[in-house]
Amino acid sequence: MTDTATNPETPRFDRRMLEALVCPATHATLEYDATRQELLSRTAGLAYPIREGIPVMLIDEARRIDD
């Protein structure tokens, strides 16, 4: 797996998408974690992966986050 910070050819997530995206489980707003390339839903306790610059907004693909 390549790191987007070290590989400029890897597509980056467009942060403007955050204005349109919500958590599919709770419809709450999302936070962008640039380090892990994930969108976080603190309300649902889920982190949705961003793969090749595209957010994967499937509950089955999300990982549980523990605060």
PDB file of N, CA and C in Angstrom:
ATOM      1  N   MET A   1       0.845  -1.178   0.000  1.00  0.00           N
ATOM      2  CA  MET A   1       0.000   0.000   0.000  1.00  0.00           C
ATOM      3  C   MET A   1       0.890   1.240   0.000  1.00  0.00           C
ATOM      4  N   THR A   2       0.591   2.181  -0.841  1.00  0.00           N
ATOM      5  CA  THR A   2       1.413   3.382  -0.938  1.00  0.00           C
ATOM      6  C   THR A   2       0.821   4.507  -0.117  1.00  0.00           C
ATOM      7  N   ASP A   3       1.667   5.371   0.350  1.00  0.00           N
ATOM      8  CA  ASP A   3       1.259   6.526   1.125  1.00  0.00           C
ATOM      9  C   ASP A   3       1.021   7.697   0.178  1.00  0.00           C
ATOM     10  N   THR A   4      -0.107   8.393   0.357  1.00  0.00           N
ATOM     11  CA  THR A   4      -0.417   9.507  -0.536  1.00  0.00           C
ATOM     12  C   THR A   4       0.551  10.664  -0.348  1.00  0.00           C
ATOM     13  N   ALA A   5       1.163  10.780   0.822  1.00  0.00           N
ATOM     14  CA  ALA A   5       2.097  11.877   1.058  1.00  0.00           C
ATOM     15  C   ALA A   5       3.414  11.656   0.314  1.00  0.00           C
ATOM     16  N   THR A   6       3.791  10.398   0.111  1.00  0.00           N
ATOM     17  CA  THR A   6       5.053  10.119  -0.547  1.00  0.00           C
ATOM     18  C   THR A   6       4.898   9.792  -2.019  1.00  0.00           C
ATOM     19  N   ASN A   7       3.692   9.539  -2.470  1.00  0.00           N
ATOM     20  CA  ASN A   7       3.451   9.184  -3.859  1.00  0.00           C
ATOM     21  C   ASN A   7       2.519  10.216  -4.487  1.00  0.00           C
ATOM     22  N   PRO A   8       3.067  11.190  -5.196  1.00  0.00           N
ATOM     23  CA  PRO A   8       2.225  12.257  -5.751  1.00  0.00           C
ATOM     24  C   PRO A   8       1.242  11.781  -6.823  1.00  0.00           C
ATOM     25  N   GLU A   9       1.431  10.577  -7.352  1.00  0.00           N
ATOM     26  CA  GLU A   9       0.520  10.082  -8.378  1.00  0.00           C
ATOM     27  C   GLU A   9      -0.764   9.504  -7.787  1.00  0.00           C
ATOM     28  N   THR A  10      -0.796   9.273  -6.479  1.00  0.00           N
ATOM     29  CA  THR A  10      -1.984   8.743  -5.830  1.00  0.00           C
ATOM     30  C   THR A  10      -3.029   9.854  -5.744  1.00  0.00           C
ATOM     31  N   PRO A  11      -4.257   9.589  -6.174  1.00  0.00           N
ATOM     32  CA  PRO A  11      -5.301  10.618  -6.107  1.00  0.00           C
ATOM     33  C   PRO A  11      -5.547  11.062  -4.671  1.00  0.00           C
ATOM     34  N   ARG A  12      -5.782  12.348  -4.496  1.00  0.00           N
ATOM     35  CA  ARG A  12      -6.056  12.896  -3.178  1.00  0.00           C
ATOM     36  C   ARG A  12      -7.545  13.123  -3.022  1.00  0.00           C
ATOM     37  N   PHE A  13      -7.992  13.095  -1.786  1.00  0.00           N
ATOM     38  CA  PHE A  13      -9.391  13.346  -1.466  1.00  0.00           C
ATOM     39  C   PHE A  13      -9.671  14.841  -1.560  1.00  0.00           C
ATOM     40  N   ASP A  14     -10.737  15.202  -2.237  1.00  0.00           N
ATOM     41  CA  ASP A  14     -11.140  16.599  -2.367  1.00  0.00           C
ATOM     42  C   ASP A  14     -11.980  16.968  -1.141  1.00  0.00           C
ATOM     43  N   ARG A  15     -11.422  17.790  -0.273  1.00  0.00           N
ATOM     44  CA  ARG A  15     -12.092  18.136   0.989  1.00  0.00           C
ATOM     45  C   ARG A  15     -13.433  18.832   0.782  1.00  0.00           C
ATOM     46  N   ARG A  16     -13.659  19.384  -0.389  1.00  0.00           N
ATOM     47  CA  ARG A  16     -14.959  20.021  -0.654  1.00  0.00           C
ATOM     48  C   ARG A  16     -16.089  19.005  -0.654  1.00  0.00           C
ATOM     49  N   MET A  17     -15.750  17.726  -0.843  1.00  0.00           N
ATOM     50  CA  MET A  17     -16.765  16.672  -0.791  1.00  0.00           C
ATOM     51  C   MET A  17     -17.417  16.571   0.585  1.00  0.00           C
ATOM     52  N   LEU A  18     -16.704  16.986   1.622  1.00  0.00           N
ATOM     53  CA  LEU A  18     -17.247  16.900   2.976  1.00  0.00           C
ATOM     54  C   LEU A  18     -18.554  17.667   3.126  1.00  0.00           C
ATOM     55  N   GLU A  19     -18.720  18.695   2.332  1.00  0.00           N
ATOM     56  CA  GLU A  19     -19.945  19.484   2.397  1.00  0.00           C
ATOM     57  C   GLU A  19     -21.160  18.681   1.939  1.00  0.00           C
ATOM     58  N   ALA A  20     -20.945  17.691   1.075  1.00  0.00           N
ATOM     59  CA  ALA A  20     -22.047  16.913   0.516  1.00  0.00           C
ATOM     60  C   ALA A  20     -22.213  15.546   1.170  1.00  0.00           C
ATOM     61  N   LEU A  21     -21.158  15.028   1.793  1.00  0.00           N
ATOM     62  CA  LEU A  21     -21.210  13.680   2.347  1.00  0.00           C
ATOM     63  C   LEU A  21     -21.664  13.681   3.800  1.00  0.00           C
ATOM     64  N   VAL A  22     -22.446  12.667   4.152  1.00  0.00           N
ATOM     65  CA  VAL A  22     -22.851  12.432   5.535  1.00  0.00           C
ATOM     66  C   VAL A  22     -22.697  10.946   5.822  1.00  0.00           C
ATOM     67  N   CYS A  23     -22.691  10.612   7.080  1.00  0.00           N
ATOM     68  CA  CYS A  23     -22.591   9.215   7.487  1.00  0.00           C
ATOM     69  C   CYS A  23     -23.840   8.469   7.021  1.00  0.00           C
ATOM     70  N   PRO A  24     -23.679   7.353   6.314  1.00  0.00           N
ATOM     71  CA  PRO A  24     -24.858   6.612   5.861  1.00  0.00           C
ATOM     72  C   PRO A  24     -25.640   5.971   7.003  1.00  0.00           C
ATOM     73  N   ALA A  25     -25.007   5.765   8.146  1.00  0.00           N
ATOM     74  CA  ALA A  25     -25.691   5.144   9.278  1.00  0.00           C
ATOM     75  C   ALA A  25     -26.507   6.148  10.087  1.00  0.00           C
ATOM     76  N   THR A  26     -25.954   7.359  10.293  1.00  0.00           N
ATOM     77  CA  THR A  26     -26.594   8.330  11.184  1.00  0.00           C
ATOM     78  C   THR A  26     -26.992   9.636  10.506  1.00  0.00           C
ATOM     79  N   HIS A  27     -26.505   9.868   9.312  1.00  0.00           N
ATOM     80  CA  HIS A  27     -26.703  11.119   8.570  1.00  0.00           C
ATOM     81  C   HIS A  27     -26.023  12.306   9.246  1.00  0.00           C
ATOM     82  N   ALA A  28     -25.063  12.022  10.113  1.00  0.00           N
ATOM     83  CA  ALA A  28     -24.287  13.064  10.792  1.00  0.00           C
ATOM     84  C   ALA A  28     -23.144  13.526   9.893  1.00  0.00           C
ATOM     85  N   THR A  29     -22.585  14.686  10.217  1.00  0.00           N
ATOM     86  CA  THR A  29     -21.446  15.201   9.469  1.00  0.00           C
ATOM     87  C   THR A  29     -20.212  14.331   9.727  1.00  0.00           C
ATOM     88  N   LEU A  30     -19.246  14.434   8.830  1.00  0.00           N
ATOM     89  CA  LEU A  30     -18.029  13.625   8.892  1.00  0.00           C
ATOM     90  C   LEU A  30     -16.814  14.508   9.090  1.00  0.00           C
ATOM     91  N   GLU A  31     -15.774  13.936   9.684  1.00  0.00           N
ATOM     92  CA  GLU A  31     -14.486  14.607   9.825  1.00  0.00           C
ATOM     93  C   GLU A  31     -13.487  13.903   8.918  1.00  0.00           C
ATOM     94  N   TYR A  32     -12.581  14.676   8.345  1.00  0.00           N
ATOM     95  CA  TYR A  32     -11.551  14.125   7.463  1.00  0.00           C
ATOM     96  C   TYR A  32     -10.279  13.879   8.249  1.00  0.00           C
ATOM     97  N   ASP A  33      -9.780  12.655   8.225  1.00  0.00           N
ATOM     98  CA  ASP A  33      -8.501  12.303   8.829  1.00  0.00           C
ATOM     99  C   ASP A  33      -7.509  12.086   7.697  1.00  0.00           C
ATOM    100  N   ALA A  34      -6.690  13.101   7.430  1.00  0.00           N
ATOM    101  CA  ALA A  34      -5.752  13.048   6.308  1.00  0.00           C
ATOM    102  C   ALA A  34      -4.661  12.006   6.518  1.00  0.00           C
ATOM    103  N   THR A  35      -4.251  11.804   7.751  1.00  0.00           N
ATOM    104  CA  THR A  35      -3.186  10.846   8.042  1.00  0.00           C
ATOM    105  C   THR A  35      -3.603   9.426   7.702  1.00  0.00           C
ATOM    106  N   ARG A  36      -4.797   9.049   8.109  1.00  0.00           N
ATOM    107  CA  ARG A  36      -5.277   7.679   7.880  1.00  0.00           C
ATOM    108  C   ARG A  36      -6.094   7.548   6.602  1.00  0.00           C
ATOM    109  N   GLN A  37      -6.361   8.678   5.938  1.00  0.00           N
ATOM    110  CA  GLN A  37      -7.200   8.687   4.731  1.00  0.00           C
ATOM    111  C   GLN A  37      -8.542   8.023   5.018  1.00  0.00           C
ATOM    112  N   GLU A  38      -9.257   8.636   5.962  1.00  0.00           N
ATOM    113  CA  GLU A  38     -10.573   8.148   6.370  1.00  0.00           C
ATOM    114  C   GLU A  38     -11.503   9.322   6.631  1.00  0.00           C
ATOM    115  N   LEU A  39     -12.782   9.033   6.559  1.00  0.00           N
ATOM    116  CA  LEU A  39     -13.805   9.974   6.993  1.00  0.00           C
ATOM    117  C   LEU A  39     -14.404   9.403   8.270  1.00  0.00           C
ATOM    118  N   LEU A  40     -14.404  10.213   9.327  1.00  0.00           N
ATOM    119  CA  LEU A  40     -14.838   9.752  10.629  1.00  0.00           C
ATOM    120  C   LEU A  40     -16.248  10.205  10.948  1.00  0.00           C
ATOM    121  N   SER A  41     -17.041   9.261  11.426  1.00  0.00           N
ATOM    122  CA  SER A  41     -18.351   9.569  11.971  1.00  0.00           C
ATOM    123  C   SER A  41     -18.281   9.257  13.458  1.00  0.00           C
ATOM    124  N   ARG A  42     -18.066  10.284  14.248  1.00  0.00           N
ATOM    125  CA  ARG A  42     -17.962  10.094  15.703  1.00  0.00           C
ATOM    126  C   ARG A  42     -19.301   9.637  16.272  1.00  0.00           C
ATOM    127  N   THR A  43     -20.405  10.091  15.698  1.00  0.00           N
ATOM    128  CA  THR A  43     -21.727   9.704  16.162  1.00  0.00           C
ATOM    129  C   THR A  43     -21.938   8.199  16.034  1.00  0.00           C
ATOM    130  N   ALA A  44     -21.539   7.625  14.907  1.00  0.00           N
ATOM    131  CA  ALA A  44     -21.706   6.192  14.664  1.00  0.00           C
ATOM    132  C   ALA A  44     -20.523   5.375  15.170  1.00  0.00           C
ATOM    133  N   GLY A  45     -19.397   6.049  15.448  1.00  0.00           N
ATOM    134  CA  GLY A  45     -18.198   5.331  15.856  1.00  0.00           C
ATOM    135  C   GLY A  45     -17.580   4.544  14.716  1.00  0.00           C
ATOM    136  N   LEU A  46     -17.670   5.115  13.497  1.00  0.00           N
ATOM    137  CA  LEU A  46     -17.167   4.438  12.308  1.00  0.00           C
ATOM    138  C   LEU A  46     -16.188   5.326  11.553  1.00  0.00           C
ATOM    139  N   ALA A  47     -15.247   4.682  10.868  1.00  0.00           N
ATOM    140  CA  ALA A  47     -14.303   5.373   9.998  1.00  0.00           C
ATOM    141  C   ALA A  47     -14.424   4.765   8.611  1.00  0.00           C
ATOM    142  N   TYR A  48     -14.801   5.594   7.644  1.00  0.00           N
ATOM    143  CA  TYR A  48     -14.968   5.149   6.262  1.00  0.00           C
ATOM    144  C   TYR A  48     -13.668   5.379   5.502  1.00  0.00           C
ATOM    145  N   PRO A  49     -13.150   4.358   4.828  1.00  0.00           N
ATOM    146  CA  PRO A  49     -11.867   4.508   4.133  1.00  0.00           C
ATOM    147  C   PRO A  49     -11.990   5.364   2.879  1.00  0.00           C
ATOM    148  N   ILE A  50     -10.872   5.984   2.522  1.00  0.00           N
ATOM    149  CA  ILE A  50     -10.760   6.698   1.256  1.00  0.00           C
ATOM    150  C   ILE A  50      -9.733   5.927   0.442  1.00  0.00           C
ATOM    151  N   ARG A  51     -10.152   5.399  -0.676  1.00  0.00           N
ATOM    152  CA  ARG A  51      -9.271   4.590  -1.524  1.00  0.00           C
ATOM    153  C   ARG A  51      -9.098   5.277  -2.869  1.00  0.00           C
ATOM    154  N   GLU A  52      -7.853   5.562  -3.198  1.00  0.00           N
ATOM    155  CA  GLU A  52      -7.510   6.231  -4.451  1.00  0.00           C
ATOM    156  C   GLU A  52      -8.301   7.520  -4.638  1.00  0.00           C
ATOM    157  N   GLY A  53      -8.474   8.247  -3.533  1.00  0.00           N
ATOM    158  CA  GLY A  53      -9.158   9.527  -3.563  1.00  0.00           C
ATOM    159  C   GLY A  53     -10.671   9.449  -3.508  1.00  0.00           C
ATOM    160  N   ILE A  54     -11.224   8.237  -3.424  1.00  0.00           N
ATOM    161  CA  ILE A  54     -12.678   8.053  -3.437  1.00  0.00           C
ATOM    162  C   ILE A  54     -13.142   7.513  -2.088  1.00  0.00           C
ATOM    163  N   PRO A  55     -14.047   8.231  -1.410  1.00  0.00           N
ATOM    164  CA  PRO A  55     -14.560   7.727  -0.142  1.00  0.00           C
ATOM    165  C   PRO A  55     -15.461   6.506  -0.363  1.00  0.00           C
ATOM    166  N   VAL A  56     -15.237   5.480   0.432  1.00  0.00           N
ATOM    167  CA  VAL A  56     -16.046   4.262   0.366  1.00  0.00           C
ATOM    168  C   VAL A  56     -17.076   4.364   1.483  1.00  0.00           C
ATOM    169  N   MET A  57     -18.281   4.784   1.121  1.00  0.00           N
ATOM    170  CA  MET A  57     -19.319   5.078   2.104  1.00  0.00           C
ATOM    171  C   MET A  57     -20.245   3.880   2.349  1.00  0.00           C
ATOM    172  N   LEU A  58     -19.657   2.732   2.554  1.00  0.00           N
ATOM    173  CA  LEU A  58     -20.410   1.517   2.845  1.00  0.00           C
ATOM    174  C   LEU A  58     -20.170   1.129   4.296  1.00  0.00           C
ATOM    175  N   ILE A  59     -21.238   0.918   5.041  1.00  0.00           N
ATOM    176  CA  ILE A  59     -21.115   0.570   6.450  1.00  0.00           C
ATOM    177  C   ILE A  59     -20.292  -0.699   6.622  1.00  0.00           C
ATOM    178  N   ASP A  60     -20.461  -1.664   5.732  1.00  0.00           N
ATOM    179  CA  ASP A  60     -19.717  -2.921   5.820  1.00  0.00           C
ATOM    180  C   ASP A  60     -18.210  -2.735   5.593  1.00  0.00           C
ATOM    181  N   GLU A  61     -17.808  -1.663   4.935  1.00  0.00           N
ATOM    182  CA  GLU A  61     -16.390  -1.391   4.669  1.00  0.00           C
ATOM    183  C   GLU A  61     -15.756  -0.514   5.750  1.00  0.00           C
ATOM    184  N   ALA A  62     -16.575   0.078   6.609  1.00  0.00           N
ATOM    185  CA  ALA A  62     -16.068   0.976   7.651  1.00  0.00           C
ATOM    186  C   ALA A  62     -15.461   0.167   8.794  1.00  0.00           C
ATOM    187  N   ARG A  63     -14.521   0.805   9.495  1.00  0.00           N
ATOM    188  CA  ARG A  63     -13.963   0.160  10.676  1.00  0.00           C
ATOM    189  C   ARG A  63     -14.507   0.887  11.917  1.00  0.00           C
ATOM    190  N   ARG A  64     -14.613   0.139  12.999  1.00  0.00           N
ATOM    191  CA  ARG A  64     -15.068   0.716  14.262  1.00  0.00           C
ATOM    192  C   ARG A  64     -13.940   1.571  14.835  1.00  0.00           C
ATOM    193  N   ILE A  65     -14.302   2.724  15.370  1.00  0.00           N
ATOM    194  CA  ILE A  65     -13.309   3.552  16.039  1.00  0.00           C
ATOM    195  C   ILE A  65     -13.637   3.572  17.529  1.00  0.00           C
ATOM    196  N   ASP A  66     -12.597   3.517  18.312  1.00  0.00           N
ATOM    197  CA  ASP A  66     -12.743   3.552  19.766  1.00  0.00           C
ATOM    198  C   ASP A  66     -12.077   4.820  20.274  1.00  0.00           C
ATOM    199  N   ASP A  67     -12.853   5.685  20.904  1.00  0.00           N
ATOM    200  CA  ASP A  67     -12.308   6.945  21.440  1.00  0.00           C
ATOM    201  C   ASP A  67     -11.821   6.753  22.852  1.00  0.00           C
TER     202      ASP A  67
END
